[in-house]
Amino acid sequence: MNLLGNILGQVLGGGQAQGDNPMAAIIGGLLSNDSAHGGLGGLVEKFGQAGLGEVVQSWIGKGENLPISADQISNVLGNDGIANIAKQLGLGEGEAAGQLSQMLPGIIDKLTPHGEAPAGGLGNLGDLAGMLGGFLKR
């Protein structure tokens, strides 16, 4: 997870390592196939169940990314999920959800450059590290 955390830290925080940007570890944990949420496919399903399928599909697709609010992120991830994330970040739940609402659309957009989610998901943490490493070289 350290490699992915470092890469996400650079993408999300201007070169900060995972220790300086715990949000990197959170997002990596949400998107990897081996996450409790089932990776990108699981998140897409959760967004759909919350009535936000069009929003998450806009991040995956090639068009403009639709915005999402902190309340909507909280609805998708659930109160326990947001509380856990907030605790890991040392933030209030609203602030943690707000940060996720700002970062998640752009990261998902970058990880799906062809406008569709890969059939097998984005991969496990190691796979994601390789994908994000390619973005940093561009």
C-alpha atoms as a PDB file:
ATOM      1  CA  MET A   1       0.000   0.000   0.000  1.00  0.00           C
ATOM      2  CA  ASN A   2       2.921   2.374   0.501  1.00  0.00           C
ATOM      3  CA  LEU A   3       3.660   2.610  -3.229  1.00  0.00           C
ATOM      4  CA  LEU A   4       0.023   3.309  -4.055  1.00  0.00           C
ATOM      5  CA  GLY A   5      -0.184   5.757  -1.191  1.00  0.00           C
ATOM      6  CA  ASN A   6       2.876   7.606  -2.429  1.00  0.00           C
ATOM      7  CA  ILE A   7       1.565   7.768  -5.990  1.00  0.00           C
ATOM      8  CA  LEU A   8      -1.893   8.885  -4.907  1.00  0.00           C
ATOM      9  CA  GLY A   9      -0.238  11.341  -2.551  1.00  0.00           C
ATOM     10  CA  GLN A  10       1.576  12.861  -5.505  1.00  0.00           C
ATOM     11  CA  VAL A  11      -1.596  12.957  -7.612  1.00  0.00           C
ATOM     12  CA  LEU A  12      -3.734  14.369  -4.806  1.00  0.00           C
ATOM     13  CA  GLY A  13      -1.295  16.428  -2.832  1.00  0.00           C
ATOM     14  CA  GLY A  14       1.455  17.855  -4.970  1.00  0.00           C
ATOM     15  CA  GLY A  15       4.065  15.207  -4.259  1.00  0.00           C
ATOM     16  CA  GLN A  16       3.288  14.471  -0.641  1.00  0.00           C
ATOM     17  CA  ALA A  17       3.890  10.956   0.539  1.00  0.00           C
ATOM     18  CA  GLN A  18       1.187   8.774   2.026  1.00  0.00           C
ATOM     19  CA  GLY A  19       2.100   9.752   5.567  1.00  0.00           C
ATOM     20  CA  ASP A  20       1.505  13.392   4.696  1.00  0.00           C
ATOM     21  CA  ASN A  21      -1.694  12.679   2.781  1.00  0.00           C
ATOM     22  CA  PRO A  22      -3.781   9.939   4.388  1.00  0.00           C
ATOM     23  CA  MET A  23      -6.553  10.664   1.865  1.00  0.00           C
ATOM     24  CA  ALA A  24      -4.367   8.836  -0.673  1.00  0.00           C
ATOM     25  CA  ALA A  25      -4.659   5.621   1.323  1.00  0.00           C
ATOM     26  CA  ILE A  26      -8.418   6.136   1.724  1.00  0.00           C
ATOM     27  CA  ILE A  27      -9.022   6.555  -2.009  1.00  0.00           C
ATOM     28  CA  GLY A  28      -6.718   3.667  -2.850  1.00  0.00           C
ATOM     29  CA  GLY A  29      -8.660   1.548  -0.403  1.00  0.00           C
ATOM     30  CA  LEU A  30     -11.985   2.513  -1.963  1.00  0.00           C
ATOM     31  CA  LEU A  31     -10.944   1.812  -5.558  1.00  0.00           C
ATOM     32  CA  SER A  32      -8.885  -1.376  -5.308  1.00  0.00           C
ATOM     33  CA  ASN A  33     -10.593  -4.669  -6.171  1.00  0.00           C
ATOM     34  CA  ASP A  34      -9.576  -6.085  -2.813  1.00  0.00           C
ATOM     35  CA  SER A  35     -11.380  -3.336  -0.891  1.00  0.00           C
ATOM     36  CA  ALA A  36     -14.378  -3.890   1.354  1.00  0.00           C
ATOM     37  CA  HIS A  37     -16.456  -1.889  -1.154  1.00  0.00           C
ATOM     38  CA  GLY A  38     -15.583  -4.164  -4.073  1.00  0.00           C
ATOM     39  CA  GLY A  39     -13.436  -1.625  -5.886  1.00  0.00           C
ATOM     40  CA  LEU A  40     -14.688   0.603  -8.667  1.00  0.00           C
ATOM     41  CA  GLY A  41     -17.426  -1.843  -9.674  1.00  0.00           C
ATOM     42  CA  GLY A  42     -18.721  -2.001  -6.118  1.00  0.00           C
ATOM     43  CA  LEU A  43     -18.681   1.776  -5.820  1.00  0.00           C
ATOM     44  CA  VAL A  44     -20.524   2.172  -9.136  1.00  0.00           C
ATOM     45  CA  GLU A  45     -23.177  -0.209  -7.806  1.00  0.00           C
ATOM     46  CA  LYS A  46     -23.440   1.728  -4.526  1.00  0.00           C
ATOM     47  CA  PHE A  47     -23.805   5.004  -6.429  1.00  0.00           C
ATOM     48  CA  GLY A  48     -26.539   3.446  -8.562  1.00  0.00           C
ATOM     49  CA  GLN A  49     -28.400   2.198  -5.486  1.00  0.00           C
ATOM     50  CA  ALA A  50     -28.251   5.732  -4.065  1.00  0.00           C
ATOM     51  CA  GLY A  51     -29.742   7.173  -7.283  1.00  0.00           C
ATOM     52  CA  LEU A  52     -26.392   8.644  -8.340  1.00  0.00           C
ATOM     53  CA  GLY A  53     -25.479   6.274 -11.156  1.00  0.00           C
ATOM     54  CA  GLU A  54     -25.456   9.105 -13.704  1.00  0.00           C
ATOM     55  CA  VAL A  55     -22.992  11.051 -11.558  1.00  0.00           C
ATOM     56  CA  VAL A  56     -20.417   8.256 -11.219  1.00  0.00           C
ATOM     57  CA  GLN A  57     -20.837   7.326 -14.897  1.00  0.00           C
ATOM     58  CA  SER A  58     -19.936  10.925 -15.808  1.00  0.00           C
ATOM     59  CA  TRP A  59     -16.591  10.463 -14.023  1.00  0.00           C
ATOM     60  CA  ILE A  60     -15.942   7.248 -15.931  1.00  0.00           C
ATOM     61  CA  GLY A  61     -17.163   8.572 -19.284  1.00  0.00           C
ATOM     62  CA  LYS A  62     -15.337  10.952 -21.573  1.00  0.00           C
ATOM     63  CA  GLY A  63     -17.553  13.989 -20.971  1.00  0.00           C
ATOM     64  CA  GLU A  64     -17.636  16.524 -18.190  1.00  0.00           C
ATOM     65  CA  ASN A  65     -17.567  15.223 -14.605  1.00  0.00           C
ATOM     66  CA  LEU A  66     -20.784  15.941 -12.755  1.00  0.00           C
ATOM     67  CA  PRO A  67     -20.273  17.319  -9.242  1.00  0.00           C
ATOM     68  CA  ILE A  68     -21.182  15.464  -6.086  1.00  0.00           C
ATOM     69  CA  SER A  69     -21.871  16.918  -2.669  1.00  0.00           C
ATOM     70  CA  ALA A  70     -20.509  15.813   0.675  1.00  0.00           C
ATOM     71  CA  ASP A  71     -24.025  14.709   1.677  1.00  0.00           C
ATOM     72  CA  GLN A  72     -24.296  12.549  -1.438  1.00  0.00           C
ATOM     73  CA  ILE A  73     -20.912  10.917  -0.736  1.00  0.00           C
ATOM     74  CA  SER A  74     -22.069  10.242   2.822  1.00  0.00           C
ATOM     75  CA  ASN A  75     -25.260   8.669   1.495  1.00  0.00           C
ATOM     76  CA  VAL A  76     -23.294   6.362  -0.838  1.00  0.00           C
ATOM     77  CA  LEU A  77     -20.662   5.267   1.694  1.00  0.00           C
ATOM     78  CA  GLY A  78     -23.002   5.221   4.683  1.00  0.00           C
ATOM     79  CA  ASN A  79     -22.651   6.856   8.064  1.00  0.00           C
ATOM     80  CA  ASP A  80     -20.319   4.154   9.370  1.00  0.00           C
ATOM     81  CA  GLY A  81     -18.111   4.376   6.278  1.00  0.00           C
ATOM     82  CA  ILE A  82     -17.767   8.144   6.517  1.00  0.00           C
ATOM     83  CA  ALA A  83     -17.233   7.980  10.279  1.00  0.00           C
ATOM     84  CA  ASN A  84     -14.394   5.489   9.747  1.00  0.00           C
ATOM     85  CA  ILE A  85     -12.810   7.641   7.033  1.00  0.00           C
ATOM     86  CA  ALA A  86     -13.155  10.773   9.162  1.00  0.00           C
ATOM     87  CA  LYS A  87     -11.481   9.016  12.088  1.00  0.00           C
ATOM     88  CA  GLN A  88      -8.566   7.901   9.874  1.00  0.00           C
ATOM     89  CA  LEU A  89      -8.149  11.467   8.614  1.00  0.00           C
ATOM     90  CA  GLY A  90      -8.621  13.128  11.989  1.00  0.00           C
ATOM     91  CA  LEU A  91     -11.455  15.238  10.570  1.00  0.00           C
ATOM     92  CA  GLY A  92     -15.113  15.763  11.162  1.00  0.00           C
ATOM     93  CA  GLU A  93     -17.419  13.609   9.067  1.00  0.00           C
ATOM     94  CA  GLY A  94     -18.647  16.538   6.973  1.00  0.00           C
ATOM     95  CA  GLU A  95     -15.127  17.671   6.188  1.00  0.00           C
ATOM     96  CA  ALA A  96     -14.004  14.142   5.258  1.00  0.00           C
ATOM     97  CA  ALA A  97     -17.006  13.697   2.958  1.00  0.00           C
ATOM     98  CA  GLY A  98     -16.313  17.117   1.461  1.00  0.00           C
ATOM     99  CA  GLN A  99     -12.728  16.208   0.643  1.00  0.00           C
ATOM    100  CA  LEU A 100     -13.832  12.941  -0.946  1.00  0.00           C
ATOM    101  CA  SER A 101     -16.443  14.784  -3.012  1.00  0.00           C
ATOM    102  CA  GLN A 102     -13.710  17.045  -4.391  1.00  0.00           C
ATOM    103  CA  MET A 103     -11.103  14.350  -5.105  1.00  0.00           C
ATOM    104  CA  LEU A 104     -12.943  11.178  -6.080  1.00  0.00           C
ATOM    105  CA  PRO A 105     -14.401  12.424  -9.402  1.00  0.00           C
ATOM    106  CA  GLY A 106     -11.008  13.461 -10.768  1.00  0.00           C
ATOM    107  CA  ILE A 107      -9.227  10.297  -9.669  1.00  0.00           C
ATOM    108  CA  ILE A 108     -11.901   8.012 -11.154  1.00  0.00           C
ATOM    109  CA  ASP A 109     -11.821  10.103 -14.328  1.00  0.00           C
ATOM    110  CA  LYS A 110      -8.029   9.658 -14.622  1.00  0.00           C
ATOM    111  CA  LEU A 111      -8.237   5.915 -13.952  1.00  0.00           C
ATOM    112  CA  THR A 112     -10.820   5.399 -16.724  1.00  0.00           C
ATOM    113  CA  PRO A 113      -9.287   7.338 -19.648  1.00  0.00           C
ATOM    114  CA  HIS A 114     -11.103   5.314 -22.312  1.00  0.00           C
ATOM    115  CA  GLY A 115     -14.522   6.278 -20.998  1.00  0.00           C
ATOM    116  CA  GLU A 116     -15.479   2.960 -19.456  1.00  0.00           C
ATOM    117  CA  ALA A 117     -14.712   0.964 -16.358  1.00  0.00           C
ATOM    118  CA  PRO A 118     -12.515  -2.069 -17.045  1.00  0.00           C
ATOM    119  CA  ALA A 119     -14.529  -5.311 -16.910  1.00  0.00           C
ATOM    120  CA  GLY A 120     -12.187  -6.739 -14.273  1.00  0.00           C
ATOM    121  CA  GLY A 121     -12.119  -3.537 -12.218  1.00  0.00           C
ATOM    122  CA  LEU A 122      -9.089  -1.362 -11.644  1.00  0.00           C
ATOM    123  CA  GLY A 123      -7.127  -4.138  -9.979  1.00  0.00           C
ATOM    124  CA  ASN A 124      -5.695  -4.602  -6.542  1.00  0.00           C
ATOM    125  CA  LEU A 125      -3.532  -2.044  -4.800  1.00  0.00           C
ATOM    126  CA  GLY A 126      -0.395  -3.036  -6.721  1.00  0.00           C
ATOM    127  CA  ASP A 127      -2.208  -2.796 -10.078  1.00  0.00           C
ATOM    128  CA  LEU A 128      -3.513   0.664  -9.234  1.00  0.00           C
ATOM    129  CA  ALA A 129      -0.029   1.806  -8.320  1.00  0.00           C
ATOM    130  CA  GLY A 130       1.198   0.937 -11.797  1.00  0.00           C
ATOM    131  CA  MET A 131      -1.698   2.732 -13.486  1.00  0.00           C
ATOM    132  CA  LEU A 132      -1.229   5.876 -11.436  1.00  0.00           C
ATOM    133  CA  GLY A 133       2.520   5.762 -11.964  1.00  0.00           C
ATOM    134  CA  GLY A 134       1.873   6.111 -15.693  1.00  0.00           C
ATOM    135  CA  PHE A 135      -0.179   9.257 -15.117  1.00  0.00           C
ATOM    136  CA  LEU A 136       2.653  10.856 -13.202  1.00  0.00           C
ATOM    137  CA  LYS A 137       5.056  10.340 -16.107  1.00  0.00           C
ATOM    138  CA  ARG A 138       2.779  12.223 -18.524  1.00  0.00           C
END
